[in-house]
All heavy atoms as atom14 arrays in JSON, in Angstrom:
{
  "sequence": "KKWRALDIRITDAANEAKDNVKYLYSLEKYYDPLYSSDPVSMLDAI",
  "atom14_mask": [
    [1, 1, 1, 1, 1, 1, 1, 1, 1, 0, 0, 0, 0, 0],
    [1, 1, 1, 1, 1, 1, 1, 1, 1, 0, 0, 0, 0, 0],
    [1, 1, 1, 1, 1, 1, 1, 1, 1, 1, 1, 1, 1, 1],
    [1, 1, 1, 1, 1, 1, 1, 1, 1, 1, 1, 0, 0, 0],
    [1, 1, 1, 1, 1, 0, 0, 0, 0, 0, 0, 0, 0, 0],
    [1, 1, 1, 1, 1, 1, 1, 1, 0, 0, 0, 0, 0, 0],
    [1, 1, 1, 1, 1, 1, 1, 1, 0, 0, 0, 0, 0, 0],
    [1, 1, 1, 1, 1, 1, 1, 1, 0, 0, 0, 0, 0, 0],
    [1, 1, 1, 1, 1, 1, 1, 1, 1, 1, 1, 0, 0, 0],
    [1, 1, 1, 1, 1, 1, 1, 1, 0, 0, 0, 0, 0, 0],
    [1, 1, 1, 1, 1, 1, 1, 0, 0, 0, 0, 0, 0, 0],
    [1, 1, 1, 1, 1, 1, 1, 1, 0, 0, 0, 0, 0, 0],
    [1, 1, 1, 1, 1, 0, 0, 0, 0, 0, 0, 0, 0, 0],
    [1, 1, 1, 1, 1, 0, 0, 0, 0, 0, 0, 0, 0, 0],
    [1, 1, 1, 1, 1, 1, 1, 1, 0, 0, 0, 0, 0, 0],
    [1, 1, 1, 1, 1, 1, 1, 1, 1, 0, 0, 0, 0, 0],
    [1, 1, 1, 1, 1, 0, 0, 0, 0, 0, 0, 0, 0, 0],
    [1, 1, 1, 1, 1, 1, 1, 1, 1, 0, 0, 0, 0, 0],
    [1, 1, 1, 1, 1, 1, 1, 1, 0, 0, 0, 0, 0, 0],
    [1, 1, 1, 1, 1, 1, 1, 1, 0, 0, 0, 0, 0, 0],
    [1, 1, 1, 1, 1, 1, 1, 0, 0, 0, 0, 0, 0, 0],
    [1, 1, 1, 1, 1, 1, 1, 1, 1, 0, 0, 0, 0, 0],
    [1, 1, 1, 1, 1, 1, 1, 1, 1, 1, 1, 1, 0, 0],
    [1, 1, 1, 1, 1, 1, 1, 1, 0, 0, 0, 0, 0, 0],
    [1, 1, 1, 1, 1, 1, 1, 1, 1, 1, 1, 1, 0, 0],
    [1, 1, 1, 1, 1, 1, 0, 0, 0, 0, 0, 0, 0, 0],
    [1, 1, 1, 1, 1, 1, 1, 1, 0, 0, 0, 0, 0, 0],
    [1, 1, 1, 1, 1, 1, 1, 1, 1, 0, 0, 0, 0, 0],
    [1, 1, 1, 1, 1, 1, 1, 1, 1, 0, 0, 0, 0, 0],
    [1, 1, 1, 1, 1, 1, 1, 1, 1, 1, 1, 1, 0, 0],
    [1, 1, 1, 1, 1, 1, 1, 1, 1, 1, 1, 1, 0, 0],
    [1, 1, 1, 1, 1, 1, 1, 1, 0, 0, 0, 0, 0, 0],
    [1, 1, 1, 1, 1, 1, 1, 0, 0, 0, 0, 0, 0, 0],
    [1, 1, 1, 1, 1, 1, 1, 1, 0, 0, 0, 0, 0, 0],
    [1, 1, 1, 1, 1, 1, 1, 1, 1, 1, 1, 1, 0, 0],
    [1, 1, 1, 1, 1, 1, 0, 0, 0, 0, 0, 0, 0, 0],
    [1, 1, 1, 1, 1, 1, 0, 0, 0, 0, 0, 0, 0, 0],
    [1, 1, 1, 1, 1, 1, 1, 1, 0, 0, 0, 0, 0, 0],
    [1, 1, 1, 1, 1, 1, 1, 0, 0, 0, 0, 0, 0, 0],
    [1, 1, 1, 1, 1, 1, 1, 0, 0, 0, 0, 0, 0, 0],
    [1, 1, 1, 1, 1, 1, 0, 0, 0, 0, 0, 0, 0, 0],
    [1, 1, 1, 1, 1, 1, 1, 1, 0, 0, 0, 0, 0, 0],
    [1, 1, 1, 1, 1, 1, 1, 1, 0, 0, 0, 0, 0, 0],
    [1, 1, 1, 1, 1, 1, 1, 1, 0, 0, 0, 0, 0, 0],
    [1, 1, 1, 1, 1, 0, 0, 0, 0, 0, 0, 0, 0, 0],
    [1, 1, 1, 1, 1, 1, 1, 1, 0, 0, 0, 0, 0, 0]
  ],
  "atom14_positions": [
    [[114.93, 75.95, 115.0], [114.46, 76.22, 113.64], [112.94, 76.42, 113.65], [112.42, 77.36, 113.03], [114.84, 75.05, 112.73], [114.58, 75.3, 111.28], [115.12, 74.14, 110.43], [114.96, 74.44, 108.95], [115.52, 73.37, 108.12], [0.0, 0.0, 0.0], [0.0, 0.0, 0.0], [0.0, 0.0, 0.0], [0.0, 0.0, 0.0], [0.0, 0.0, 0.0]],
    [[112.24, 75.55, 114.37], [110.79, 75.68, 114.5], [110.44, 76.97, 115.24], [109.51, 77.68, 114.88], [110.23, 74.46, 115.23], [108.73, 74.4, 115.28], [108.25, 73.11, 115.91], [106.75, 73.02, 115.89], [106.25, 71.78, 116.47], [0.0, 0.0, 0.0], [0.0, 0.0, 0.0], [0.0, 0.0, 0.0], [0.0, 0.0, 0.0], [0.0, 0.0, 0.0]],
    [[111.2, 77.29, 116.28], [110.98, 78.5, 117.06], [111.12, 79.74, 116.19], [110.3, 80.65, 116.23], [111.96, 78.56, 118.23], [111.79, 79.81, 119.02], [112.5, 80.96, 118.91], [110.81, 80.05, 120.03], [112.03, 81.9, 119.77], [110.99, 81.37, 120.48], [109.79, 79.28, 120.58], [110.2, 81.93, 121.46], [109.01, 79.85, 121.57], [109.22, 81.15, 122.0]],
    [[112.17, 79.78, 115.39], [112.4, 80.94, 114.52], [111.26, 81.09, 113.51], [110.85, 82.21, 113.2], [113.75, 80.82, 113.82], [114.91, 81.09, 114.75], [116.24, 81.18, 114.01], [117.32, 81.31, 114.96], [118.16, 80.36, 115.3], [118.06, 79.16, 114.75], [119.12, 80.57, 116.18], [0.0, 0.0, 0.0], [0.0, 0.0, 0.0], [0.0, 0.0, 0.0]],
    [[110.79, 79.98, 112.99], [109.68, 80.03, 112.03], [108.42, 80.6, 112.69], [107.72, 81.43, 112.11], [109.41, 78.65, 111.45], [0.0, 0.0, 0.0], [0.0, 0.0, 0.0], [0.0, 0.0, 0.0], [0.0, 0.0, 0.0], [0.0, 0.0, 0.0], [0.0, 0.0, 0.0], [0.0, 0.0, 0.0], [0.0, 0.0, 0.0], [0.0, 0.0, 0.0]],
    [[108.15, 80.17, 113.92], [107.0, 80.7, 114.66], [107.18, 82.18, 114.96], [106.25, 82.97, 114.84], [106.79, 79.92, 115.96], [106.17, 78.55, 115.83], [106.21, 77.82, 117.16], [104.76, 78.63, 115.3], [0.0, 0.0, 0.0], [0.0, 0.0, 0.0], [0.0, 0.0, 0.0], [0.0, 0.0, 0.0], [0.0, 0.0, 0.0], [0.0, 0.0, 0.0]],
    [[108.38, 82.56, 115.35], [108.68, 83.96, 115.65], [108.46, 84.84, 114.42], [107.89, 85.92, 114.51], [110.11, 84.09, 116.17], [110.41, 85.47, 116.71], [109.53, 86.05, 117.37], [111.53, 85.97, 116.48], [0.0, 0.0, 0.0], [0.0, 0.0, 0.0], [0.0, 0.0, 0.0], [0.0, 0.0, 0.0], [0.0, 0.0, 0.0], [0.0, 0.0, 0.0]],
    [[108.86, 84.36, 113.27], [108.66, 85.11, 112.02], [107.17, 85.25, 111.72], [106.7, 86.33, 111.34], [109.41, 84.42, 110.86], [110.92, 84.62, 111.03], [108.95, 84.95, 109.51], [111.77, 83.76, 110.12], [0.0, 0.0, 0.0], [0.0, 0.0, 0.0], [0.0, 0.0, 0.0], [0.0, 0.0, 0.0], [0.0, 0.0, 0.0], [0.0, 0.0, 0.0]],
    [[106.41, 84.18, 111.9], [104.96, 84.23, 111.65], [104.26, 85.21, 112.6], [103.38, 85.96, 112.2], [104.35, 82.85, 111.79], [104.65, 81.93, 110.62], [104.01, 80.57, 110.76], [102.55, 80.67, 110.85], [101.78, 79.76, 111.44], [102.32, 78.67, 111.97], [100.48, 79.91, 111.49], [0.0, 0.0, 0.0], [0.0, 0.0, 0.0], [0.0, 0.0, 0.0]],
    [[104.68, 85.19, 113.86], [104.08, 86.1, 114.85], [104.41, 87.55, 114.5], [103.53, 88.42, 114.52], [104.58, 85.75, 116.27], [103.97, 84.41, 116.71], [104.23, 86.85, 117.27], [104.62, 83.8, 117.93], [0.0, 0.0, 0.0], [0.0, 0.0, 0.0], [0.0, 0.0, 0.0], [0.0, 0.0, 0.0], [0.0, 0.0, 0.0], [0.0, 0.0, 0.0]],
    [[105.66, 87.8, 114.16], [106.07, 89.16, 113.8], [105.33, 89.64, 112.56], [104.87, 90.78, 112.5], [107.6, 89.22, 113.57], [108.24, 88.78, 114.78], [108.06, 90.61, 113.23], [0.0, 0.0, 0.0], [0.0, 0.0, 0.0], [0.0, 0.0, 0.0], [0.0, 0.0, 0.0], [0.0, 0.0, 0.0], [0.0, 0.0, 0.0], [0.0, 0.0, 0.0]],
    [[105.19, 88.76, 111.57], [104.49, 89.14, 110.35], [103.02, 89.43, 110.63], [102.45, 90.4, 110.11], [104.64, 88.04, 109.3], [104.15, 88.49, 107.94], [104.54, 89.58, 107.49], [103.38, 87.73, 107.31], [0.0, 0.0, 0.0], [0.0, 0.0, 0.0], [0.0, 0.0, 0.0], [0.0, 0.0, 0.0], [0.0, 0.0, 0.0], [0.0, 0.0, 0.0]],
    [[102.39, 88.62, 111.46], [100.97, 88.84, 111.8], [100.8, 90.15, 112.57], [99.83, 90.88, 112.34], [100.44, 87.66, 112.61], [0.0, 0.0, 0.0], [0.0, 0.0, 0.0], [0.0, 0.0, 0.0], [0.0, 0.0, 0.0], [0.0, 0.0, 0.0], [0.0, 0.0, 0.0], [0.0, 0.0, 0.0], [0.0, 0.0, 0.0], [0.0, 0.0, 0.0]],
    [[101.73, 90.45, 113.46], [101.67, 91.72, 114.2], [101.85, 92.9, 113.26], [101.14, 93.91, 113.37], [102.73, 91.74, 115.3], [0.0, 0.0, 0.0], [0.0, 0.0, 0.0], [0.0, 0.0, 0.0], [0.0, 0.0, 0.0], [0.0, 0.0, 0.0], [0.0, 0.0, 0.0], [0.0, 0.0, 0.0], [0.0, 0.0, 0.0], [0.0, 0.0, 0.0]],
    [[102.76, 92.78, 112.32], [102.98, 93.85, 111.34], [101.76, 94.05, 110.45], [101.39, 95.17, 110.12], [104.22, 93.57, 110.49], [105.5, 93.74, 111.27], [105.55, 94.44, 112.27], [106.55, 93.07, 110.81], [0.0, 0.0, 0.0], [0.0, 0.0, 0.0], [0.0, 0.0, 0.0], [0.0, 0.0, 0.0], [0.0, 0.0, 0.0], [0.0, 0.0, 0.0]],
    [[101.12, 92.94, 110.06], [99.91, 93.03, 109.26], [98.81, 93.76, 110.02], [98.16, 94.67, 109.48], [99.41, 91.63, 108.86], [98.11, 91.67, 108.09], [97.53, 90.3, 107.79], [97.92, 89.31, 108.45], [96.67, 90.23, 106.89], [0.0, 0.0, 0.0], [0.0, 0.0, 0.0], [0.0, 0.0, 0.0], [0.0, 0.0, 0.0], [0.0, 0.0, 0.0]],
    [[98.61, 93.38, 111.28], [97.56, 94.01, 112.08], [97.86, 95.5, 112.27], [96.96, 96.34, 112.14], [97.44, 93.31, 113.44], [0.0, 0.0, 0.0], [0.0, 0.0, 0.0], [0.0, 0.0, 0.0], [0.0, 0.0, 0.0], [0.0, 0.0, 0.0], [0.0, 0.0, 0.0], [0.0, 0.0, 0.0], [0.0, 0.0, 0.0], [0.0, 0.0, 0.0]],
    [[99.11, 95.84, 112.53], [99.5, 97.24, 112.72], [99.24, 98.05, 111.44], [98.68, 99.15, 111.49], [100.97, 97.32, 113.11], [101.46, 98.73, 113.36], [102.93, 98.73, 113.74], [103.43, 100.14, 113.92], [104.87, 100.17, 114.2], [0.0, 0.0, 0.0], [0.0, 0.0, 0.0], [0.0, 0.0, 0.0], [0.0, 0.0, 0.0], [0.0, 0.0, 0.0]],
    [[99.64, 97.5, 110.31], [99.45, 98.18, 109.03], [97.96, 98.35, 108.73], [97.52, 99.43, 108.32], [100.13, 97.35, 107.93], [100.25, 98.09, 106.61], [100.93, 99.13, 106.58], [99.68, 97.6, 105.61], [0.0, 0.0, 0.0], [0.0, 0.0, 0.0], [0.0, 0.0, 0.0], [0.0, 0.0, 0.0], [0.0, 0.0, 0.0], [0.0, 0.0, 0.0]],
    [[97.18, 97.31, 108.95], [95.75, 97.37, 108.66], [95.03, 98.37, 109.57], [94.15, 99.11, 109.12], [95.12, 95.99, 108.77], [95.58, 95.07, 107.65], [96.19, 95.5, 106.68], [95.3, 93.8, 107.8], [0.0, 0.0, 0.0], [0.0, 0.0, 0.0], [0.0, 0.0, 0.0], [0.0, 0.0, 0.0], [0.0, 0.0, 0.0], [0.0, 0.0, 0.0]],
    [[95.41, 98.41, 110.84], [94.8, 99.37, 111.77], [95.11, 100.79, 111.3], [94.23, 101.66, 111.28], [95.28, 99.14, 113.22], [94.96, 100.32, 114.11], [94.66, 97.87, 113.78], [0.0, 0.0, 0.0], [0.0, 0.0, 0.0], [0.0, 0.0, 0.0], [0.0, 0.0, 0.0], [0.0, 0.0, 0.0], [0.0, 0.0, 0.0], [0.0, 0.0, 0.0]],
    [[96.35, 101.02, 110.9], [96.74, 102.36, 110.43], [95.88, 102.79, 109.25], [95.33, 103.9, 109.25], [98.22, 102.34, 110.03], [98.72, 103.64, 109.41], [100.18, 103.58, 109.06], [100.4, 102.77, 107.8], [101.77, 102.82, 107.3], [0.0, 0.0, 0.0], [0.0, 0.0, 0.0], [0.0, 0.0, 0.0], [0.0, 0.0, 0.0], [0.0, 0.0, 0.0]],
    [[95.72, 101.94, 108.28], [94.94, 102.31, 107.1], [93.44, 102.39, 107.39], [92.76, 103.27, 106.86], [95.23, 101.36, 105.94], [96.58, 101.62, 105.33], [97.61, 100.71, 105.46], [96.82, 102.79, 104.63], [98.86, 100.96, 104.9], [98.07, 103.05, 104.08], [99.08, 102.13, 104.21], [100.3, 102.39, 103.68], [0.0, 0.0, 0.0], [0.0, 0.0, 0.0]],
    [[92.94, 101.5, 108.21], [91.51, 101.55, 108.52], [91.16, 102.78, 109.36], [90.05, 103.32, 109.23], [91.07, 100.26, 109.21], [91.06, 99.04, 108.29], [90.87, 97.76, 109.09], [90.0, 99.17, 107.21], [0.0, 0.0, 0.0], [0.0, 0.0, 0.0], [0.0, 0.0, 0.0], [0.0, 0.0, 0.0], [0.0, 0.0, 0.0], [0.0, 0.0, 0.0]],
    [[92.09, 103.23, 110.2], [91.85, 104.48, 110.94], [91.73, 105.65, 109.98], [90.97, 106.58, 110.23], [92.99, 104.76, 111.93], [92.68, 104.39, 113.35], [93.53, 103.58, 114.07], [91.54, 104.86, 114.0], [93.25, 103.23, 115.38], [91.25, 104.52, 115.31], [92.12, 103.7, 115.99], [91.83, 103.36, 117.28], [0.0, 0.0, 0.0], [0.0, 0.0, 0.0]],
    [[92.46, 105.6, 108.88], [92.38, 106.7, 107.92], [91.0, 106.78, 107.26], [90.63, 107.83, 106.72], [93.48, 106.56, 106.86], [93.19, 105.52, 105.95], [0.0, 0.0, 0.0], [0.0, 0.0, 0.0], [0.0, 0.0, 0.0], [0.0, 0.0, 0.0], [0.0, 0.0, 0.0], [0.0, 0.0, 0.0], [0.0, 0.0, 0.0], [0.0, 0.0, 0.0]],
    [[90.24, 105.71, 107.3], [88.89, 105.7, 106.73], [87.83, 106.26, 107.67], [86.73, 106.61, 107.24], [88.47, 104.27, 106.36], [89.22, 103.56, 105.26], [88.66, 102.17, 105.08], [89.15, 104.33, 103.97], [0.0, 0.0, 0.0], [0.0, 0.0, 0.0], [0.0, 0.0, 0.0], [0.0, 0.0, 0.0], [0.0, 0.0, 0.0], [0.0, 0.0, 0.0]],
    [[88.17, 106.34, 108.95], [87.18, 106.66, 109.97], [86.43, 107.96, 109.67], [85.2, 108.02, 109.79], [87.87, 106.75, 111.34], [86.96, 106.55, 112.49], [87.72, 106.37, 113.79], [88.84, 106.91, 113.93], [87.18, 105.69, 114.66], [0.0, 0.0, 0.0], [0.0, 0.0, 0.0], [0.0, 0.0, 0.0], [0.0, 0.0, 0.0], [0.0, 0.0, 0.0]],
    [[87.12, 108.99, 109.25], [86.45, 110.27, 108.99], [85.49, 110.18, 107.82], [84.56, 110.97, 107.71], [87.48, 111.38, 108.78], [88.34, 111.22, 107.55], [89.37, 112.33, 107.46], [90.34, 112.07, 106.33], [91.44, 113.02, 106.33], [0.0, 0.0, 0.0], [0.0, 0.0, 0.0], [0.0, 0.0, 0.0], [0.0, 0.0, 0.0], [0.0, 0.0, 0.0]],
    [[85.7, 109.2, 106.94], [84.82, 109.03, 105.79], [83.61, 108.15, 106.1], [82.54, 108.33, 105.53], [85.59, 108.44, 104.6], [86.72, 109.3, 104.15], [88.04, 108.95, 104.4], [86.47, 110.49, 103.47], [89.09, 109.75, 103.97], [87.52, 111.31, 103.05], [88.82, 110.92, 103.31], [89.85, 111.72, 102.9], [0.0, 0.0, 0.0], [0.0, 0.0, 0.0]],
    [[83.79, 107.15, 106.99], [82.65, 106.28, 107.25], [81.82, 106.7, 108.45], [80.71, 106.22, 108.63], [83.03, 104.8, 107.31], [83.91, 104.35, 108.44], [83.49, 104.38, 109.76], [85.17, 103.82, 108.18], [84.29, 103.94, 110.79], [85.97, 103.37, 109.2], [85.54, 103.43, 110.5], [86.34, 102.99, 111.51], [0.0, 0.0, 0.0], [0.0, 0.0, 0.0]],
    [[82.31, 107.62, 109.28], [81.5, 108.1, 110.4], [80.15, 108.68, 109.95], [79.14, 108.41, 110.59], [82.27, 109.12, 111.24], [83.13, 108.46, 112.3], [82.94, 107.25, 112.57], [84.01, 109.15, 112.88], [0.0, 0.0, 0.0], [0.0, 0.0, 0.0], [0.0, 0.0, 0.0], [0.0, 0.0, 0.0], [0.0, 0.0, 0.0], [0.0, 0.0, 0.0]],
    [[80.11, 109.45, 108.84], [78.8, 109.95, 108.39], [77.82, 108.84, 108.03], [76.61, 109.04, 108.09], [79.14, 110.79, 107.15], [80.55, 111.21, 107.35], [81.21, 110.07, 108.08], [0.0, 0.0, 0.0], [0.0, 0.0, 0.0], [0.0, 0.0, 0.0], [0.0, 0.0, 0.0], [0.0, 0.0, 0.0], [0.0, 0.0, 0.0], [0.0, 0.0, 0.0]],
    [[78.32, 107.65, 107.68], [77.42, 106.55, 107.37], [76.63, 106.11, 108.6], [75.53, 105.58, 108.48], [78.2, 105.36, 106.8], [79.02, 105.61, 105.54], [79.74, 104.34, 105.12], [78.15, 106.13, 104.41], [0.0, 0.0, 0.0], [0.0, 0.0, 0.0], [0.0, 0.0, 0.0], [0.0, 0.0, 0.0], [0.0, 0.0, 0.0], [0.0, 0.0, 0.0]],
    [[77.22, 106.33, 109.76], [76.56, 105.94, 111.01], [75.67, 107.05, 111.57], [74.72, 106.78, 112.28], [77.6, 105.58, 112.07], [78.32, 104.28, 111.81], [79.57, 104.26, 111.21], [77.75, 103.07, 112.17], [80.23, 103.07, 110.97], [78.4, 101.87, 111.94], [79.63, 101.88, 111.35], [80.29, 100.7, 111.11], [0.0, 0.0, 0.0], [0.0, 0.0, 0.0]],
    [[76.02, 108.3, 111.28], [75.34, 109.4, 111.97], [74.49, 110.29, 111.08], [73.84, 111.19, 111.59], [76.4, 110.27, 112.67], [77.32, 110.79, 111.72], [0.0, 0.0, 0.0], [0.0, 0.0, 0.0], [0.0, 0.0, 0.0], [0.0, 0.0, 0.0], [0.0, 0.0, 0.0], [0.0, 0.0, 0.0], [0.0, 0.0, 0.0], [0.0, 0.0, 0.0]],
    [[74.48, 110.07, 109.78], [73.75, 110.95, 108.88], [72.54, 110.27, 108.26], [72.43, 109.05, 108.27], [74.67, 111.39, 107.73], [75.78, 112.07, 108.22], [0.0, 0.0, 0.0], [0.0, 0.0, 0.0], [0.0, 0.0, 0.0], [0.0, 0.0, 0.0], [0.0, 0.0, 0.0], [0.0, 0.0, 0.0], [0.0, 0.0, 0.0], [0.0, 0.0, 0.0]],
    [[71.7, 111.09, 107.72], [70.57, 110.56, 106.95], [71.1, 110.15, 105.57], [72.18, 110.56, 105.17], [69.46, 111.6, 106.83], [69.94, 112.84, 106.11], [70.51, 113.73, 106.79], [69.75, 112.92, 104.88], [0.0, 0.0, 0.0], [0.0, 0.0, 0.0], [0.0, 0.0, 0.0], [0.0, 0.0, 0.0], [0.0, 0.0, 0.0], [0.0, 0.0, 0.0]],
    [[70.36, 109.33, 104.83], [70.84, 108.82, 103.54], [71.27, 109.92, 102.55], [72.24, 109.76, 101.83], [69.66, 108.02, 102.99], [68.94, 107.56, 104.21], [69.09, 108.68, 105.21], [0.0, 0.0, 0.0], [0.0, 0.0, 0.0], [0.0, 0.0, 0.0], [0.0, 0.0, 0.0], [0.0, 0.0, 0.0], [0.0, 0.0, 0.0], [0.0, 0.0, 0.0]],
    [[70.57, 111.04, 102.53], [70.93, 112.11, 101.6], [72.29, 112.72, 101.99], [73.14, 112.96, 101.12], [69.83, 113.2, 101.55], [70.26, 114.38, 100.7], [68.52, 112.61, 101.05], [0.0, 0.0, 0.0], [0.0, 0.0, 0.0], [0.0, 0.0, 0.0], [0.0, 0.0, 0.0], [0.0, 0.0, 0.0], [0.0, 0.0, 0.0], [0.0, 0.0, 0.0]],
    [[72.51, 112.93, 103.27], [73.79, 113.51, 103.74], [74.95, 112.54, 103.55], [76.09, 112.96, 103.41], [73.69, 113.89, 105.21], [72.66, 114.83, 105.4], [0.0, 0.0, 0.0], [0.0, 0.0, 0.0], [0.0, 0.0, 0.0], [0.0, 0.0, 0.0], [0.0, 0.0, 0.0], [0.0, 0.0, 0.0], [0.0, 0.0, 0.0], [0.0, 0.0, 0.0]],
    [[74.65, 111.25, 103.56], [75.71, 110.24, 103.37], [76.37, 110.36, 102.0], [77.54, 110.04, 101.86], [75.12, 108.82, 103.48], [74.79, 108.38, 104.84], [74.14, 106.69, 104.7], [73.37, 106.54, 106.27], [0.0, 0.0, 0.0], [0.0, 0.0, 0.0], [0.0, 0.0, 0.0], [0.0, 0.0, 0.0], [0.0, 0.0, 0.0], [0.0, 0.0, 0.0]],
    [[75.62, 110.82, 101.04], [76.14, 110.9, 99.67], [77.42, 111.72, 99.58], [78.3, 111.42, 98.78], [75.08, 111.47, 98.73], [73.91, 110.56, 98.42], [72.87, 111.28, 97.57], [74.37, 109.29, 97.72], [0.0, 0.0, 0.0], [0.0, 0.0, 0.0], [0.0, 0.0, 0.0], [0.0, 0.0, 0.0], [0.0, 0.0, 0.0], [0.0, 0.0, 0.0]],
    [[77.55, 112.76, 100.41], [78.75, 113.6, 100.38], [79.99, 112.83, 100.83], [81.1, 113.15, 100.4], [78.56, 114.83, 101.28], [77.46, 115.75, 100.75], [77.18, 115.71, 99.53], [76.89, 116.51, 101.57], [0.0, 0.0, 0.0], [0.0, 0.0, 0.0], [0.0, 0.0, 0.0], [0.0, 0.0, 0.0], [0.0, 0.0, 0.0], [0.0, 0.0, 0.0]],
    [[79.82, 111.84, 101.7], [80.96, 111.09, 102.24], [81.43, 109.98, 101.3], [82.59, 109.55, 101.38], [80.6, 110.49, 103.6], [0.0, 0.0, 0.0], [0.0, 0.0, 0.0], [0.0, 0.0, 0.0], [0.0, 0.0, 0.0], [0.0, 0.0, 0.0], [0.0, 0.0, 0.0], [0.0, 0.0, 0.0], [0.0, 0.0, 0.0], [0.0, 0.0, 0.0]],
    [[80.57, 109.51, 100.42], [80.88, 108.34, 99.58], [82.09, 108.53, 98.67], [82.98, 107.67, 98.65], [79.63, 107.89, 98.78], [78.49, 107.51, 99.73], [79.97, 106.75, 97.84], [78.75, 106.34, 100.62], [0.0, 0.0, 0.0], [0.0, 0.0, 0.0], [0.0, 0.0, 0.0], [0.0, 0.0, 0.0], [0.0, 0.0, 0.0], [0.0, 0.0, 0.0]]
  ]
}
C-alpha cells in the first residue's frame, strides 16, 4: 500500500515535470530576444 502510494507520487511528479517542460519550451522563442536584444527590440517580443 505504501509502495503504491509512492509510485503514484513519483508518476505524478514525472508527469508534472514533463508537462511543464513542454509548455516552457513553447515560450523559448518569445523569451530568447530578452537575452539577445537591446531594450527597444525586446518590446516586440513582450
